Protein backbone atom coordinates (compact mmCIF):
# COMPACT_ATOMS: atom_id res chain seq x y z
CA MET A 1 -25.16 -3.90 23.38
CA SER A 2 -25.08 -4.16 19.84
CA ASP A 3 -25.38 -0.79 17.85
CA GLY A 4 -25.84 -2.69 14.39
CA PHE A 5 -22.00 -1.94 13.44
CA ASP A 6 -20.22 -4.46 15.35
CA TYR A 7 -19.41 -6.58 12.45
CA GLN A 8 -18.16 -3.78 10.48
CA ARG A 9 -16.07 -2.47 13.29
CA GLN A 10 -14.69 -5.97 13.95
CA ARG A 11 -13.70 -6.04 10.16
CA MET A 12 -11.96 -2.65 10.27
CA VAL A 13 -9.84 -3.88 13.24
CA GLU A 14 -8.86 -6.67 11.25
CA GLY A 15 -7.69 -4.55 8.42
CA LEU A 16 -5.80 -2.24 10.70
CA ARG A 17 -4.07 -5.22 12.38
CA ALA A 18 -3.07 -6.34 8.74
CA ALA A 19 -1.87 -2.66 7.79
CA GLY A 20 0.44 -2.81 10.60
CA VAL A 21 -1.20 -1.58 13.76
CA THR A 22 0.09 -3.72 16.62
CA ASP A 23 -0.79 -1.71 19.76
CA GLU A 24 -3.59 -4.15 21.20
CA ARG A 25 -4.77 -1.21 23.56
CA VAL A 26 -5.27 0.83 20.41
CA LEU A 27 -7.03 -1.73 18.63
CA ALA A 28 -9.32 -2.38 21.32
CA ALA A 29 -10.25 1.28 21.49
CA MET A 30 -10.82 1.33 17.82
CA ALA A 31 -13.27 -1.52 18.28
CA GLU A 32 -15.11 0.06 21.10
CA VAL A 33 -15.54 3.70 19.55
CA PRO A 34 -18.73 3.89 17.43
CA ARG A 35 -16.97 5.78 14.63
CA HIS A 36 -20.45 5.99 12.58
CA LEU A 37 -21.53 8.69 15.28
CA PHE A 38 -18.80 10.78 14.37
CA VAL A 39 -19.56 11.15 10.60
CA PRO A 40 -22.65 12.64 8.44
CA ARG A 41 -25.59 10.21 8.74
CA ALA A 42 -25.65 9.73 4.59
CA MET A 43 -21.79 8.65 5.22
CA ARG A 44 -22.19 6.07 7.70
CA HIS A 45 -21.84 3.31 5.33
CA GLN A 46 -18.07 4.22 4.59
CA ALA A 47 -17.31 4.80 8.46
CA TYR A 48 -15.43 1.69 8.94
CA LEU A 49 -13.38 1.65 5.81
CA GLU A 50 -9.92 1.66 7.41
CA ASP A 51 -8.44 3.93 4.51
CA VAL A 52 -11.29 6.34 3.94
CA SER A 53 -11.40 9.91 5.06
CA ILE A 54 -14.84 11.66 5.27
CA THR A 55 -15.88 15.25 4.76
CA ILE A 56 -17.53 16.46 8.21
CA GLY A 57 -18.22 20.15 7.06
CA GLU A 58 -16.47 23.50 7.31
CA GLY A 59 -13.86 22.20 4.92
CA GLN A 60 -12.59 19.86 7.22
CA THR A 61 -12.41 15.70 7.41
CA ILE A 62 -12.55 12.83 9.80
CA SER A 63 -9.24 11.11 9.07
CA GLN A 64 -9.03 7.57 8.01
CA PRO A 65 -9.09 4.58 10.75
CA LEU A 66 -5.79 3.61 9.87
CA ILE A 67 -4.28 7.15 10.23
CA VAL A 68 -5.93 7.47 13.48
CA ALA A 69 -4.82 4.25 14.71
CA LEU A 70 -1.27 4.66 13.50
CA MET A 71 -0.86 8.23 15.05
CA THR A 72 -2.35 6.99 18.40
CA GLN A 73 0.18 3.88 18.27
CA ALA A 74 3.03 6.45 17.66
CA ALA A 75 2.07 8.67 20.48
CA ALA A 76 2.31 5.75 22.98
CA VAL A 77 -0.38 7.01 25.15
CA GLY A 78 -0.81 5.43 28.57
CA PRO A 79 -3.33 5.13 31.28
CA SER A 80 -2.06 7.77 33.19
CA SER A 81 -0.97 10.11 30.20
CA ARG A 82 -2.40 13.64 29.93
CA VAL A 83 -2.73 14.38 26.12
CA LEU A 84 -3.21 17.32 23.90
CA GLU A 85 -5.01 16.92 20.67
CA VAL A 86 -4.61 19.86 18.21
CA GLY A 87 -7.66 19.83 15.55
CA THR A 88 -10.72 18.34 17.42
CA GLY A 89 -12.60 18.24 14.30
CA SER A 90 -15.59 15.45 14.53
CA GLY A 91 -14.24 14.51 18.17
CA TYR A 92 -13.47 11.03 16.96
CA GLN A 93 -9.72 11.00 17.72
CA ALA A 94 -10.42 12.68 21.15
CA ALA A 95 -12.86 9.80 21.67
CA ILE A 96 -9.89 7.16 21.02
CA LEU A 97 -7.49 9.08 23.00
CA ALA A 98 -10.14 9.43 25.87
CA THR A 99 -10.56 5.72 26.00
CA LEU A 100 -6.79 5.03 26.52
CA CYS A 101 -5.56 7.97 28.52
CA GLN A 102 -6.28 9.88 31.81
CA PHE A 103 -7.41 13.22 30.05
CA VAL A 104 -7.57 14.79 26.84
CA PHE A 105 -7.30 18.39 26.42
CA THR A 106 -8.67 19.06 22.67
CA VAL A 107 -8.56 22.34 20.77
CA GLU A 108 -10.47 23.47 17.52
CA ARG A 109 -10.33 26.98 15.86
CA ILE A 110 -13.91 26.34 14.30
CA GLY A 111 -16.40 26.91 16.92
CA THR A 112 -19.04 24.78 15.30
CA LEU A 113 -17.04 21.72 15.15
CA ALA A 114 -15.80 22.18 18.84
CA ARG A 115 -19.34 22.33 19.90
CA GLU A 116 -20.52 19.40 17.99
CA ALA A 117 -17.69 17.21 19.02
CA LYS A 118 -18.34 18.15 22.73
CA ARG A 119 -21.91 17.06 22.20
CA ARG A 120 -21.04 13.69 20.76
CA LEU A 121 -18.33 13.12 23.35
CA ASP A 122 -21.09 13.99 26.25
CA ALA A 123 -23.83 11.82 24.63
CA LEU A 124 -21.23 8.74 24.63
CA GLY A 125 -20.52 9.33 28.46
CA PHE A 126 -16.83 10.70 28.09
CA GLU A 127 -16.10 12.79 31.26
CA ASN A 128 -12.18 13.01 30.87
CA PHE A 129 -11.91 15.68 28.27
CA SER A 130 -11.93 19.26 27.72
CA VAL A 131 -12.66 21.13 24.40
CA LYS A 132 -11.35 24.96 24.08
CA VAL A 133 -11.76 26.90 20.83
CA MET A 134 -8.41 28.72 20.14
CA ASP A 135 -5.45 28.72 17.81
CA GLY A 136 -3.95 25.16 18.26
CA THR A 137 -0.67 25.91 17.10
CA LEU A 138 0.10 27.60 20.29
CA GLY A 139 -0.62 24.50 22.37
CA TRP A 140 -2.60 24.98 25.78
CA ARG A 141 0.15 26.27 28.07
CA ALA A 142 -2.09 26.38 30.94
CA GLN A 143 -2.45 22.72 30.89
CA ALA A 144 1.03 21.64 29.95
CA PRO A 145 3.20 19.73 30.07
CA PHE A 146 1.52 16.55 27.95
CA GLU A 147 2.90 13.05 27.82
CA ALA A 148 1.44 13.11 24.24
CA ILE A 149 0.21 15.63 21.51
CA ILE A 150 -1.46 14.85 18.57
CA VAL A 151 -1.96 17.18 15.56
CA THR A 152 -4.80 16.23 13.17
CA ALA A 153 -3.66 18.97 10.51
CA ALA A 154 -0.50 19.52 8.30
CA ALA A 155 2.07 22.12 9.46
CA PRO A 156 4.75 23.47 7.18
CA GLU A 157 7.06 22.86 10.31
CA VAL A 158 6.85 21.36 13.57
CA PRO A 159 5.41 23.95 15.75
CA GLU A 160 8.14 25.01 18.55
CA PRO A 161 5.08 25.72 21.28
CA LEU A 162 3.83 22.12 21.09
CA VAL A 163 7.49 21.00 21.45
CA ASP A 164 7.92 22.99 24.42
CA GLN A 165 4.89 21.85 26.12
CA LEU A 166 5.76 18.11 25.97
CA ALA A 167 6.89 16.36 29.05
CA GLU A 168 10.19 14.51 29.77
CA GLY A 169 9.96 11.82 27.43
CA GLY A 170 6.82 12.93 25.88
CA ARG A 171 5.88 12.50 22.14
CA LEU A 172 4.59 14.74 19.50
CA VAL A 173 2.91 13.14 16.35
CA VAL A 174 2.32 15.58 13.55
CA PRO A 175 1.95 15.69 9.70
CA VAL A 176 4.72 18.19 8.38
CA GLY A 177 5.22 19.22 4.67
CA GLU A 178 3.29 20.80 2.00
CA ARG A 179 -0.26 22.04 1.86
CA ARG A 180 -1.12 18.65 -0.19
CA LEU A 181 1.26 16.27 0.86
CA GLN A 182 3.10 15.47 4.30
CA GLU A 183 4.93 12.94 6.33
CA LEU A 184 3.82 11.90 9.76
CA VAL A 185 6.81 12.90 12.06
CA VAL A 186 7.26 11.86 15.97
CA VAL A 187 9.14 14.19 18.08
CA GLN A 188 10.38 12.78 21.24
CA ARG A 189 11.47 14.93 24.09
CA ARG A 190 14.77 14.04 25.86
CA GLY A 191 15.90 16.53 28.11
CA LYS A 192 16.74 19.76 26.15
CA HIS A 193 17.01 17.77 23.10
CA THR A 194 14.63 16.20 20.76
CA ARG A 195 14.50 13.03 18.78
CA ARG A 196 12.40 12.95 15.35
CA GLU A 197 11.31 9.80 13.24
CA ARG A 198 9.33 9.86 10.27
CA ILE A 199 6.51 7.32 10.04
CA ARG A 200 4.75 7.59 6.70
CA GLY A 201 3.39 9.78 3.90
CA ALA A 202 0.13 11.52 4.69
CA CYS A 203 -2.48 14.01 3.33
CA PHE A 204 -4.06 16.43 5.90
CA VAL A 205 -5.99 19.73 5.68
CA PRO A 206 -3.60 22.50 6.56
CA LEU A 207 -3.17 23.46 10.22
CA ILE A 208 -4.14 27.29 10.44
CA GLY A 209 -2.36 29.42 13.08
CA ARG A 210 0.37 31.54 14.20
CA HIS A 211 2.77 28.60 13.97
CA GLY A 212 0.89 26.92 10.98
CA TRP A 213 -0.38 28.12 7.56
CA GLU A 214 -2.37 31.10 6.80
CA GLY A 215 -5.49 30.72 4.89
CA GLU A 216 -8.16 28.25 4.68
CA GLY A 217 -7.96 25.12 6.43
CA ARG A 218 -7.97 23.97 10.20
């Protein structure tokens, strides 16, 4: 059933494809999930611009569709994957992941955002997710290991607890760098060793927690 944004979503997906997103499962998920329901009503006209982030309150943002698509593609999420998301925010990235994988564990340190995200995901009929309010830099050890971990806020360094919670062959996607400018990094676990790859530059809000930044931010 059309929700009035079908054309905009299709145009967004065409833009993502042109920008280098090649994973057809990711593109299909981006075409399916109604991003306009995850942004403030007054900003819905910008919901499907592929390189625009939008403020969602509490000093946080919903990442650009291009960044969401690239991070999801880099995480190599499969149908049987158990995925950890650090920084629930609006719930949009969790919705994309829940469309693609077996189960999403998503953590958010700001209670109001976590509750609103759960409400949206419930309303859309998602059942394969769990939201918890906690310090995301510690991961969710009780549910580890994870085939993929996506961090939607910027860390000064790769949080070691998250690396420790990767399954064999698992991939952690995280922006790393200064508070205002970072690089997206993919960390893949191979036995006792890890392999790191840089994807592109990025600009995220700070990741706040024991293994992140101190002060205002996520």
